Structure formats: structure tokens, C-alpha cells
Amino acid sequence: MSRSFLFVPGDSVRKLAKARDAGADALIIDLEDSVVANELPPARARTREFLAGATGLECWVRINPLASGEAGNDLGEILPGKPAGIVLPKAGGAADVAKLGQLLDLLEQEHGIEPGSTGILPIVTERPEALFRLHEYAGSTARLAALAWGAEDLAAATGASVSRDATGQWLPPYQLARSLCLFAAAAASVPAIDTVYTDFKDLAGLAAYAATARRDGFRGMLAIHPAQVPVINAAFMPDSREIEHARKIVALFDSNPKAGTLSLDGRMVDRPHLVQARKILQLATPGTATD
């Protein structure tokens, strides 16, 4: 799974061109928040054109919410460009993912795209009621590629004036949403993707935040500016010591496939250590499949 997902406005030819060389593992071409309603038709056309020439790039498209009345138009225009997947904003639970999956089934068939090849990455905490349905994503669809979360729409829905304290830390309601996304992703056996760090000039703060995201179990992070990409990529890349230790654990269990607990360098390792070691090795090779 990718470490960095860079948002790019679908209505900006300049920013789309710049995004090609940003070094992000994946791009998210945005047709939702960054595009005003009367610019949607040309933004869809630009997005489709960009996708057609994006050989070698992992490109996702954030469509408008299913309830907006624009999602079907977004999909109909851009799916022929064969994006890697669709980012679904304001997802309410498994029912929304299923509805999107049905639309993708029809459009893939219509345009001769391999069935089931278009992934779905829902943003799962933007509606208050969605927090009570996060368990539904487990086993919901084979298209589910990851879960991401966001705080801005959630704060607006609850009437909160801020979502972070004076030091930049998430306030308790948003710490809860972040944690629930992480646990829901683990339950669904897909990566959890942390939300954006909005102060794109504070690269030191971003580095610290991304490091804690990886520590907590997130597998990647959303970005809103090209300058954030190398910081995020570095934060989610294990160092040589971690990689070597993970390789030793995997090799040890490969040599002892029936063992549940083994000793490595004087310390006990068991099956959870093996799972974590495999995840570290996946992080060390961006783009590999996840468990």
C-alpha cells in the first residue's frame, strides 16, 4: 500500500502537471472540496485526460458524496480513464460502499474494464453517525483498499470551533475518531491512512506527526502539498535496523513453520511479532500488496 496520497485539484492543469513529479506514491485527483460546482464539468474532463496519460502513476479520484447528486456524473466521466480507485467522501458505512461498488460494476462492464479492479477508499469519519458503523467495513467488499479519516467535516457537523489544541494535538473527540478508523481498518484487514496535516509550511511538525502515525499503526497519510510528500514518505519508511530485524523474524518462522513462540537474540517472538515483521517489510517496499 502507498505511503503518501497527494490531493490534487481536478480543475487545475498546472497543479496536475506539477503533481506528476511530486514523488507521491499515489495521487488523489479531487473533484469534491477543491472544485466549485460550476467547474465540475471541465474538471471531470481534465481528470479523465490526465488519467489517460498517467502511465506509471497510481491515481485515485475523490468523487462527490453519493448523496450530492454529482457522484454518478463524476464516475461516468472519469472511470473510462481507469483510475486505481475511488476515494469516497462522507461515507456512512457498508451500505455506501456497496452502492458505490454497484455503480462501479456497471461502469466497468460498460467500458471493458476488468471487473472488480477499481478499488474503494472511503473517508469514514466525516459524518457523526458514521462513527457508529465503522465495524461494517469488515467483510463488506473485496474492493475495499484502505480506510481514511478526516476531522474538518466532523467538526463542522458537531458545531465545534476547533479540532486541535494550542499545541496542534487532536482534541479528545477527534482522537477518538482517529483511533476508531485505525481499529476499523485492522478489523477489515486493510491499511489505515491518516488524515492531512493542514499546516503545509510546518514540515517539522508534519515529520513529528507522521512519525506518531506510523508508530500507532497507520500505513500511510494524506497530503495537501507537494512539499509534504518526501516528509511523509520518509516517516513511513522503516530504517535499516528495523528491516533487518523483521527479516530475521520472518526467516526464523519460515524455518520453524509449526512453532508458535521462538527465541531471537535472547528475546521471545511469537506470531504477532511475525505479523508486524511482515508489515514492516511491506512498508519497506511501497506498492506491495497488503495482508
C-alpha atoms as a PDB file:
ATOM      1  CA  MET A   1       0.000   0.000   0.000  1.00  0.00           C
ATOM      2  CA  SER A   2       1.142   3.520  -0.702  1.00  0.00           C
ATOM      3  CA  ARG A   3       2.651   5.733   1.987  1.00  0.00           C
ATOM      4  CA  SER A   4       1.725   9.153   0.595  1.00  0.00           C
ATOM      5  CA  PHE A   5      -1.536  10.179  -1.089  1.00  0.00           C
ATOM      6  CA  LEU A   6      -1.282  13.680  -2.558  1.00  0.00           C
ATOM      7  CA  PHE A   7      -4.520  15.575  -3.199  1.00  0.00           C
ATOM      8  CA  VAL A   8      -4.546  17.498  -6.488  1.00  0.00           C
ATOM      9  CA  PRO A   9      -7.440  19.738  -7.608  1.00  0.00           C
ATOM     10  CA  GLY A  10      -9.045  18.265 -10.698  1.00  0.00           C
ATOM     11  CA  ASP A  11      -9.691  21.703 -12.192  1.00  0.00           C
ATOM     12  CA  SER A  12      -6.044  22.872 -12.225  1.00  0.00           C
ATOM     13  CA  VAL A  13      -3.963  21.936 -15.255  1.00  0.00           C
ATOM     14  CA  ARG A  14      -0.886  23.470 -13.617  1.00  0.00           C
ATOM     15  CA  LYS A  15      -1.229  21.561 -10.353  1.00  0.00           C
ATOM     16  CA  LEU A  16      -1.995  18.300 -12.140  1.00  0.00           C
ATOM     17  CA  ALA A  17       1.166  18.687 -14.198  1.00  0.00           C
ATOM     18  CA  LYS A  18       3.232  19.552 -11.104  1.00  0.00           C
ATOM     19  CA  ALA A  19       1.869  16.550  -9.219  1.00  0.00           C
ATOM     20  CA  ARG A  20       3.468  14.139 -11.694  1.00  0.00           C
ATOM     21  CA  ASP A  21       6.917  14.896 -10.293  1.00  0.00           C
ATOM     22  CA  ALA A  22       5.987  15.306  -6.617  1.00  0.00           C
ATOM     23  CA  GLY A  23       7.219  11.827  -5.692  1.00  0.00           C
ATOM     24  CA  ALA A  24       3.948  10.730  -4.093  1.00  0.00           C
ATOM     25  CA  ASP A  25       3.231   7.025  -4.054  1.00  0.00           C
ATOM     26  CA  ALA A  26      -0.319   7.875  -5.144  1.00  0.00           C
ATOM     27  CA  LEU A  27      -2.257  10.899  -6.360  1.00  0.00           C
ATOM     28  CA  ILE A  28      -5.846  11.708  -5.416  1.00  0.00           C
ATOM     29  CA  ILE A  29      -7.398  13.883  -8.089  1.00  0.00           C
ATOM     30  CA  ASP A  30     -10.058  15.842  -6.256  1.00  0.00           C
ATOM     31  CA  LEU A  31     -13.496  16.592  -7.657  1.00  0.00           C
ATOM     32  CA  GLU A  32     -15.055  17.382  -4.279  1.00  0.00           C
ATOM     33  CA  ASP A  33     -13.916  20.136  -1.913  1.00  0.00           C
ATOM     34  CA  SER A  34     -11.373  21.817  -4.187  1.00  0.00           C
ATOM     35  CA  VAL A  35     -13.728  22.214  -7.186  1.00  0.00           C
ATOM     36  CA  VAL A  36     -16.729  24.572  -7.186  1.00  0.00           C
ATOM     37  CA  ALA A  37     -19.953  23.263  -8.707  1.00  0.00           C
ATOM     38  CA  ASN A  38     -19.846  25.201 -11.984  1.00  0.00           C
ATOM     39  CA  GLU A  39     -16.295  23.978 -12.639  1.00  0.00           C
ATOM     40  CA  LEU A  40     -17.150  20.302 -12.235  1.00  0.00           C
ATOM     41  CA  PRO A  41     -17.755  19.507 -15.943  1.00  0.00           C
ATOM     42  CA  PRO A  42     -14.363  20.828 -17.131  1.00  0.00           C
ATOM     43  CA  ALA A  43     -12.658  19.336 -14.045  1.00  0.00           C
ATOM     44  CA  ARG A  44     -14.039  15.905 -14.916  1.00  0.00           C
ATOM     45  CA  ALA A  45     -12.785  16.256 -18.484  1.00  0.00           C
ATOM     46  CA  ARG A  46      -9.312  17.316 -17.279  1.00  0.00           C
ATOM     47  CA  THR A  47      -9.243  14.444 -14.821  1.00  0.00           C
ATOM     48  CA  ARG A  48     -10.116  11.915 -17.496  1.00  0.00           C
ATOM     49  CA  GLU A  49      -7.465  13.373 -19.801  1.00  0.00           C
ATOM     50  CA  PHE A  50      -4.867  13.242 -17.031  1.00  0.00           C
ATOM     51  CA  LEU A  51      -5.716   9.631 -16.214  1.00  0.00           C
ATOM     52  CA  ALA A  52      -5.309   8.666 -19.845  1.00  0.00           C
ATOM     53  CA  GLY A  53      -1.726   9.920 -19.821  1.00  0.00           C
ATOM     54  CA  ALA A  54      -0.781   8.876 -16.305  1.00  0.00           C
ATOM     55  CA  THR A  55       1.134   5.728 -17.216  1.00  0.00           C
ATOM     56  CA  GLY A  56       3.125   4.502 -14.246  1.00  0.00           C
ATOM     57  CA  LEU A  57       1.266   6.660 -11.718  1.00  0.00           C
ATOM     58  CA  GLU A  58      -1.153   5.323  -9.120  1.00  0.00           C
ATOM     59  CA  CYS A  59      -4.109   7.687  -9.479  1.00  0.00           C
ATOM     60  CA  TRP A  60      -7.253   7.778  -7.385  1.00  0.00           C
ATOM     61  CA  VAL A  61     -10.190  10.153  -7.809  1.00  0.00           C
ATOM     62  CA  ARG A  62     -12.162  11.667  -4.954  1.00  0.00           C
ATOM     63  CA  ILE A  63     -15.691  11.963  -6.238  1.00  0.00           C
ATOM     64  CA  ASN A  64     -18.501  13.960  -4.676  1.00  0.00           C
ATOM     65  CA  PRO A  65     -20.574  12.312  -1.918  1.00  0.00           C
ATOM     66  CA  LEU A  66     -23.168   9.791  -3.031  1.00  0.00           C
ATOM     67  CA  ALA A  67     -25.967  11.999  -1.670  1.00  0.00           C
ATOM     68  CA  SER A  68     -24.773  15.066  -3.596  1.00  0.00           C
ATOM     69  CA  GLY A  69     -26.330  14.115  -6.940  1.00  0.00           C
ATOM     70  CA  GLU A  70     -22.935  14.561  -8.623  1.00  0.00           C
ATOM     71  CA  ALA A  71     -21.260  11.233  -7.834  1.00  0.00           C
ATOM     72  CA  GLY A  72     -22.819   9.414 -10.789  1.00  0.00           C
ATOM     73  CA  ASN A  73     -21.728  12.150 -13.180  1.00  0.00           C
ATOM     74  CA  ASP A  74     -18.207  12.068 -11.724  1.00  0.00           C
ATOM     75  CA  LEU A  75     -17.940   8.316 -12.168  1.00  0.00           C
ATOM     76  CA  GLY A  76     -19.429   8.237 -15.634  1.00  0.00           C
ATOM     77  CA  GLU A  77     -16.904  10.756 -16.890  1.00  0.00           C
ATOM     78  CA  ILE A  78     -13.713   9.584 -15.193  1.00  0.00           C
ATOM     79  CA  LEU A  79     -13.968   5.800 -14.953  1.00  0.00           C
ATOM     80  CA  PRO A  80     -13.006   5.249 -18.620  1.00  0.00           C
ATOM     81  CA  GLY A  81      -9.606   6.665 -17.576  1.00  0.00           C
ATOM     82  CA  LYS A  82      -9.176   3.563 -15.372  1.00  0.00           C
ATOM     83  CA  PRO A  83      -8.182   5.108 -12.044  1.00  0.00           C
ATOM     84  CA  ALA A  84      -6.681   2.787  -9.442  1.00  0.00           C
ATOM     85  CA  GLY A  85      -9.659   3.532  -7.262  1.00  0.00           C
ATOM     86  CA  ILE A  86     -12.276   5.924  -5.975  1.00  0.00           C
ATOM     87  CA  VAL A  87     -11.979   7.927  -2.770  1.00  0.00           C
ATOM     88  CA  LEU A  88     -15.476   8.141  -1.278  1.00  0.00           C
ATOM     89  CA  PRO A  89     -16.016  11.179   0.962  1.00  0.00           C
ATOM     90  CA  LYS A  90     -18.557  11.298   3.776  1.00  0.00           C
ATOM     91  CA  ALA A  91     -19.007   7.533   3.740  1.00  0.00           C
ATOM     92  CA  GLY A  92     -21.734   6.397   6.104  1.00  0.00           C
ATOM     93  CA  GLY A  93     -20.889   2.716   6.324  1.00  0.00           C
ATOM     94  CA  ALA A  94     -21.019  -0.509   4.373  1.00  0.00           C
ATOM     95  CA  ALA A  95     -24.223   0.474   2.555  1.00  0.00           C
ATOM     96  CA  ASP A  96     -22.481   3.411   0.877  1.00  0.00           C
ATOM     97  CA  VAL A  97     -19.525   1.251  -0.131  1.00  0.00           C
ATOM     98  CA  ALA A  98     -21.923  -1.346  -1.539  1.00  0.00           C
ATOM     99  CA  LYS A  99     -23.793   1.304  -3.532  1.00  0.00           C
ATOM    100  CA  LEU A 100     -20.556   2.639  -4.971  1.00  0.00           C
ATOM    101  CA  GLY A 101     -19.473  -0.914  -5.762  1.00  0.00           C
ATOM    102  CA  GLN A 102     -22.671  -1.493  -7.740  1.00  0.00           C
ATOM    103  CA  LEU A 103     -22.068   1.651  -9.784  1.00  0.00           C
ATOM    104  CA  LEU A 104     -18.510   0.533 -10.454  1.00  0.00           C
ATOM    105  CA  ASP A 105     -19.726  -2.925 -11.504  1.00  0.00           C
ATOM    106  CA  LEU A 106     -21.934  -1.375 -14.192  1.00  0.00           C
ATOM    107  CA  LEU A 107     -19.347   1.114 -15.431  1.00  0.00           C
ATOM    108  CA  GLU A 108     -16.526  -1.421 -15.543  1.00  0.00           C
ATOM    109  CA  GLN A 109     -18.706  -3.675 -17.667  1.00  0.00           C
ATOM    110  CA  GLU A 110     -19.765  -0.778 -19.901  1.00  0.00           C
ATOM    111  CA  HIS A 111     -16.200   0.352 -20.573  1.00  0.00           C
ATOM    112  CA  GLY A 112     -14.483  -3.016 -20.792  1.00  0.00           C
ATOM    113  CA  ILE A 113     -12.563  -2.602 -17.537  1.00  0.00           C
ATOM    114  CA  GLU A 114     -11.525  -5.689 -15.592  1.00  0.00           C
ATOM    115  CA  PRO A 115     -14.355  -6.459 -13.126  1.00  0.00           C
ATOM    116  CA  GLY A 116     -13.523  -5.505  -9.564  1.00  0.00           C
ATOM    117  CA  SER A 117     -10.267  -3.783 -10.488  1.00  0.00           C
ATOM    118  CA  THR A 118     -11.319  -0.326  -9.254  1.00  0.00           C
ATOM    119  CA  GLY A 119     -10.626  -0.009  -5.536  1.00  0.00           C
ATOM    120  CA  ILE A 120     -12.584   1.958  -2.945  1.00  0.00           C
ATOM    121  CA  LEU A 121     -11.001   4.106  -0.232  1.00  0.00           C
ATOM    122  CA  PRO A 122     -13.742   5.607   1.967  1.00  0.00           C
ATOM    123  CA  ILE A 123     -13.206   8.530   4.308  1.00  0.00           C
ATOM    124  CA  VAL A 124     -15.081   7.084   7.230  1.00  0.00           C
ATOM    125  CA  THR A 125     -15.418   9.718   9.991  1.00  0.00           C
ATOM    126  CA  GLU A 126     -16.792  12.820   8.291  1.00  0.00           C
ATOM    127  CA  ARG A 127     -20.390  12.206   9.404  1.00  0.00           C
ATOM    128  CA  PRO A 128     -21.187  11.756  13.116  1.00  0.00           C
ATOM    129  CA  GLU A 129     -23.472   8.759  12.506  1.00  0.00           C
ATOM    130  CA  ALA A 130     -20.706   7.035  10.531  1.00  0.00           C
ATOM    131  CA  LEU A 131     -18.676   6.539  13.715  1.00  0.00           C
ATOM    132  CA  PHE A 132     -21.267   4.020  14.903  1.00  0.00           C
ATOM    133  CA  ARG A 133     -20.967   1.934  11.721  1.00  0.00           C
ATOM    134  CA  LEU A 134     -17.235   1.506  11.329  1.00  0.00           C
ATOM    135  CA  HIS A 135     -17.451  -2.205  12.180  1.00  0.00           C
ATOM    136  CA  GLU A 136     -19.467  -2.724   8.987  1.00  0.00           C
ATOM    137  CA  TYR A 137     -16.436  -2.332   6.717  1.00  0.00           C
ATOM    138  CA  ALA A 138     -15.016  -5.699   7.765  1.00  0.00           C
ATOM    139  CA  GLY A 139     -16.012  -8.159   5.065  1.00  0.00           C
ATOM    140  CA  SER A 140     -18.015  -5.540   3.168  1.00  0.00           C
ATOM    141  CA  THR A 141     -16.401  -5.784  -0.279  1.00  0.00           C
ATOM    142  CA  ALA A 142     -13.276  -7.070  -1.983  1.00  0.00           C
ATOM    143  CA  ARG A 143     -12.889  -3.592  -3.485  1.00  0.00           C
ATOM    144  CA  LEU A 144     -12.060  -2.084  -0.068  1.00  0.00           C
ATOM    145  CA  ALA A 145      -8.432  -0.935  -0.326  1.00  0.00           C
ATOM    146  CA  ALA A 146      -7.988   1.103   2.871  1.00  0.00           C
ATOM    147  CA  LEU A 147      -9.807   3.361   5.339  1.00  0.00           C
ATOM    148  CA  ALA A 148      -9.015   7.032   5.866  1.00  0.00           C
ATOM    149  CA  TRP A 149     -10.417   9.560   8.286  1.00  0.00           C
ATOM    150  CA  GLY A 150     -10.978  13.304   8.414  1.00  0.00           C
ATOM    151  CA  ALA A 151     -11.770  15.861  11.090  1.00  0.00           C
ATOM    152  CA  GLU A 152     -12.905  19.066   9.361  1.00  0.00           C
ATOM    153  CA  ASP A 153     -16.355  17.932   8.256  1.00  0.00           C
ATOM    154  CA  LEU A 154     -16.870  16.124  11.552  1.00  0.00           C
ATOM    155  CA  ALA A 155     -16.067  19.287  13.493  1.00  0.00           C
ATOM    156  CA  ALA A 156     -18.445  21.301  11.324  1.00  0.00           C
ATOM    157  CA  ALA A 157     -21.213  18.742  11.834  1.00  0.00           C
ATOM    158  CA  THR A 158     -20.862  18.855  15.617  1.00  0.00           C
ATOM    159  CA  GLY A 159     -20.520  22.625  15.801  1.00  0.00           C
ATOM    160  CA  ALA A 160     -17.010  22.522  17.237  1.00  0.00           C
ATOM    161  CA  SER A 161     -14.938  25.686  16.886  1.00  0.00           C
ATOM    162  CA  VAL A 162     -11.582  23.847  16.705  1.00  0.00           C
ATOM    163  CA  SER A 163     -10.394  20.257  16.394  1.00  0.00           C
ATOM    164  CA  ARG A 164      -6.840  20.699  17.757  1.00  0.00           C
ATOM    165  CA  ASP A 165      -5.461  22.273  20.909  1.00  0.00           C
ATOM    166  CA  ALA A 166      -2.880  25.080  21.061  1.00  0.00           C
ATOM    167  CA  THR A 167      -0.013  22.609  20.592  1.00  0.00           C
ATOM    168  CA  GLY A 168      -1.559  21.097  17.473  1.00  0.00           C
ATOM    169  CA  GLN A 169      -2.706  17.890  19.141  1.00  0.00           C
ATOM    170  CA  TRP A 170      -6.118  16.452  18.331  1.00  0.00           C
ATOM    171  CA  LEU A 171      -8.790  17.208  20.902  1.00  0.00           C
ATOM    172  CA  PRO A 172     -10.457  14.155  22.504  1.00  0.00           C
ATOM    173  CA  PRO A 173     -13.410  13.796  20.061  1.00  0.00           C
ATOM    174  CA  TYR A 174     -11.032  13.653  17.095  1.00  0.00           C
ATOM    175  CA  GLN A 175      -8.544  11.410  18.870  1.00  0.00           C
ATOM    176  CA  LEU A 176     -11.486   9.039  19.233  1.00  0.00           C
ATOM    177  CA  ALA A 177     -12.410   9.262  15.541  1.00  0.00           C
ATOM    178  CA  ARG A 178      -8.792   8.676  14.529  1.00  0.00           C
ATOM    179  CA  SER A 179      -8.479   5.638  16.783  1.00  0.00           C
ATOM    180  CA  LEU A 180     -11.768   4.155  15.608  1.00  0.00           C
ATOM    181  CA  CYS A 181     -10.627   4.442  11.993  1.00  0.00           C
ATOM    182  CA  LEU A 182      -7.401   2.640  12.891  1.00  0.00           C
ATOM    183  CA  PHE A 183      -9.253  -0.180  14.653  1.00  0.00           C
ATOM    184  CA  ALA A 184     -11.868  -0.486  11.905  1.00  0.00           C
ATOM    185  CA  ALA A 185      -9.134  -0.820   9.280  1.00  0.00           C
ATOM    186  CA  ALA A 186      -7.426  -3.512  11.323  1.00  0.00           C
ATOM    187  CA  ALA A 187     -10.729  -5.361  11.696  1.00  0.00           C
ATOM    188  CA  ALA A 188     -11.235  -5.161   7.920  1.00  0.00           C
ATOM    189  CA  SER A 189      -7.627  -6.262   7.238  1.00  0.00           C
ATOM    190  CA  VAL A 190      -6.871  -3.152   5.183  1.00  0.00           C
ATOM    191  CA  PRO A 191      -4.410  -0.294   5.786  1.00  0.00           C
ATOM    192  CA  ALA A 192      -5.411   2.765   7.818  1.00  0.00           C
ATOM    193  CA  ILE A 193      -4.473   6.085   6.208  1.00  0.00           C
ATOM    194  CA  ASP A 194      -4.040   9.103   8.479  1.00  0.00           C
ATOM    195  CA  THR A 195      -5.600  12.445   7.636  1.00  0.00           C
ATOM    196  CA  VAL A 196      -3.957  15.587   6.305  1.00  0.00           C
ATOM    197  CA  TYR A 197      -1.622  17.861   8.259  1.00  0.00           C
ATOM    198  CA  THR A 198      -3.081  21.198   7.245  1.00  0.00           C
ATOM    199  CA  ASP A 199      -0.130  23.493   8.041  1.00  0.00           C
ATOM    200  CA  PHE A 200       1.817  22.631   4.895  1.00  0.00           C
ATOM    201  CA  LYS A 201       4.633  25.055   5.786  1.00  0.00           C
ATOM    202  CA  ASP A 202       5.359  23.314   9.101  1.00  0.00           C
ATOM    203  CA  LEU A 203       7.430  20.410   7.825  1.00  0.00           C
ATOM    204  CA  ALA A 204       8.996  19.732  11.212  1.00  0.00           C
ATOM    205  CA  GLY A 205       5.565  19.414  12.758  1.00  0.00           C
ATOM    206  CA  LEU A 206       4.492  17.163   9.902  1.00  0.00           C
ATOM    207  CA  ALA A 207       7.504  14.906  10.422  1.00  0.00           C
ATOM    208  CA  ALA A 208       6.676  14.515  14.110  1.00  0.00           C
ATOM    209  CA  TYR A 209       3.005  13.859  13.372  1.00  0.00           C
ATOM    210  CA  ALA A 210       3.737  11.328  10.625  1.00  0.00           C
ATOM    211  CA  ALA A 211       6.166   9.504  12.909  1.00  0.00           C
ATOM    212  CA  THR A 212       3.461   9.081  15.545  1.00  0.00           C
ATOM    213  CA  ALA A 213       1.011   7.945  12.859  1.00  0.00           C
ATOM    214  CA  ARG A 214       3.338   5.164  11.810  1.00  0.00           C
ATOM    215  CA  ARG A 215       4.047   4.321  15.450  1.00  0.00           C
ATOM    216  CA  ASP A 216       0.312   3.966  16.110  1.00  0.00           C
ATOM    217  CA  GLY A 217      -0.225   1.623  13.159  1.00  0.00           C
ATOM    218  CA  PHE A 218      -1.227   3.837  10.250  1.00  0.00           C
ATOM    219  CA  ARG A 219       0.256   2.682   6.961  1.00  0.00           C
ATOM    220  CA  GLY A 220       0.228   5.999   5.119  1.00  0.00           C
ATOM    221  CA  MET A 221      -1.001   9.569   5.161  1.00  0.00           C
ATOM    222  CA  LEU A 222      -2.904  12.071   3.058  1.00  0.00           C
ATOM    223  CA  ALA A 223      -1.036  15.167   1.806  1.00  0.00           C
ATOM    224  CA  ILE A 224      -2.247  18.529   0.547  1.00  0.00           C
ATOM    225  CA  HIS A 225       1.011  19.990  -0.793  1.00  0.00           C
ATOM    226  CA  PRO A 226       3.921  18.522  -2.781  1.00  0.00           C
ATOM    227  CA  ALA A 227       6.392  19.696  -0.123  1.00  0.00           C
ATOM    228  CA  GLN A 228       4.778  17.294   2.342  1.00  0.00           C
ATOM    229  CA  VAL A 229       5.381  14.216   0.204  1.00  0.00           C
ATOM    230  CA  PRO A 230       9.078  13.497   0.935  1.00  0.00           C
ATOM    231  CA  VAL A 231       8.497  14.053   4.656  1.00  0.00           C
ATOM    232  CA  ILE A 232       5.634  11.551   4.717  1.00  0.00           C
ATOM    233  CA  ASN A 233       7.499   9.025   2.585  1.00  0.00           C
ATOM    234  CA  ALA A 234      10.477   9.162   4.903  1.00  0.00           C
ATOM    235  CA  ALA A 235       8.340   8.824   8.028  1.00  0.00           C
ATOM    236  CA  PHE A 236       6.665   5.659   6.781  1.00  0.00           C
ATOM    237  CA  MET A 237       9.870   4.017   5.550  1.00  0.00           C
ATOM    238  CA  PRO A 238      11.419   1.648   8.114  1.00  0.00           C
ATOM    239  CA  ASP A 239      15.108   2.140   8.799  1.00  0.00           C
ATOM    240  CA  SER A 240      17.754  -0.479   8.054  1.00  0.00           C
ATOM    241  CA  ARG A 241      17.763  -1.778  11.627  1.00  0.00           C
ATOM    242  CA  GLU A 242      14.006  -2.410  11.592  1.00  0.00           C
ATOM    243  CA  ILE A 243      14.154  -4.066   8.188  1.00  0.00           C
ATOM    244  CA  GLU A 244      16.971  -6.391   9.197  1.00  0.00           C
ATOM    245  CA  HIS A 245      15.195  -7.387  12.421  1.00  0.00           C
ATOM    246  CA  ALA A 246      11.958  -8.030  10.509  1.00  0.00           C
ATOM    247  CA  ARG A 247      13.798 -10.218   8.005  1.00  0.00           C
ATOM    248  CA  LYS A 248      15.282 -12.257  10.849  1.00  0.00           C
ATOM    249  CA  ILE A 249      11.820 -12.840  12.352  1.00  0.00           C
ATOM    250  CA  VAL A 250      10.315 -13.905   9.025  1.00  0.00           C
ATOM    251  CA  ALA A 251      13.259 -16.195   8.279  1.00  0.00           C
ATOM    252  CA  LEU A 252      13.051 -17.742  11.750  1.00  0.00           C
ATOM    253  CA  PHE A 253       9.372 -18.618  11.369  1.00  0.00           C
ATOM    254  CA  ASP A 254       9.908 -19.809   7.806  1.00  0.00           C
ATOM    255  CA  SER A 255      12.441 -22.274   9.229  1.00  0.00           C
ATOM    256  CA  ASN A 256      10.056 -23.286  12.035  1.00  0.00           C
ATOM    257  CA  PRO A 257       6.584 -23.177  10.427  1.00  0.00           C
ATOM    258  CA  LYS A 258       4.862 -25.126  13.209  1.00  0.00           C
ATOM    259  CA  ALA A 259       6.227 -23.031  16.061  1.00  0.00           C
ATOM    260  CA  GLY A 260       4.104 -20.507  17.904  1.00  0.00           C
ATOM    261  CA  THR A 261       6.877 -18.998  20.016  1.00  0.00           C
ATOM    262  CA  LEU A 262      10.587 -18.779  19.252  1.00  0.00           C
ATOM    263  CA  SER A 263      13.709 -17.099  20.620  1.00  0.00           C
ATOM    264  CA  LEU A 264      15.581 -14.436  18.644  1.00  0.00           C
ATOM    265  CA  ASP A 265      18.635 -12.598  20.001  1.00  0.00           C
ATOM    266  CA  GLY A 266      17.701 -13.591  23.538  1.00  0.00           C
ATOM    267  CA  ARG A 267      14.099 -12.419  23.304  1.00  0.00           C
ATOM    268  CA  MET A 268      10.819 -14.237  22.777  1.00  0.00           C
ATOM    269  CA  VAL A 269       8.995 -13.682  19.487  1.00  0.00           C
ATOM    270  CA  ASP A 270       5.578 -15.070  18.621  1.00  0.00           C
ATOM    271  CA  ARG A 271       3.004 -14.878  15.834  1.00  0.00           C
ATOM    272  CA  PRO A 272       2.040 -11.212  16.455  1.00  0.00           C
ATOM    273  CA  HIS A 273       5.727 -10.328  16.012  1.00  0.00           C
ATOM    274  CA  LEU A 274       5.670 -12.182  12.683  1.00  0.00           C
ATOM    275  CA  VAL A 275       2.616 -10.232  11.530  1.00  0.00           C
ATOM    276  CA  GLN A 276       4.317  -6.963  12.455  1.00  0.00           C
ATOM    277  CA  ALA A 277       7.554  -8.016  10.748  1.00  0.00           C
ATOM    278  CA  ARG A 278       5.727  -8.701   7.513  1.00  0.00           C
ATOM    279  CA  LYS A 279       4.057  -5.296   7.696  1.00  0.00           C
ATOM    280  CA  ILE A 280       7.446  -3.627   8.174  1.00  0.00           C
ATOM    281  CA  LEU A 281       8.800  -5.391   5.090  1.00  0.00           C
ATOM    282  CA  GLN A 282       5.732  -4.267   3.127  1.00  0.00           C
ATOM    283  CA  LEU A 283       6.359  -0.683   4.227  1.00  0.00           C
ATOM    284  CA  ALA A 284       9.952  -1.058   3.058  1.00  0.00           C
ATOM    285  CA  THR A 285       8.670  -1.861  -0.441  1.00  0.00           C
ATOM    286  CA  PRO A 286       5.925   0.705  -1.260  1.00  0.00           C
ATOM    287  CA  GLY A 287       3.316  -0.575  -3.667  1.00  0.00           C
ATOM    288  CA  THR A 288       3.382  -4.194  -2.493  1.00  0.00           C
ATOM    289  CA  ALA A 289       0.169  -5.924  -1.594  1.00  0.00           C
ATOM    290  CA  THR A 290      -1.005  -5.886   1.993  1.00  0.00           C
ATOM    291  CA  ASP A 291      -2.408  -8.703   4.108  1.00  0.00           C
END
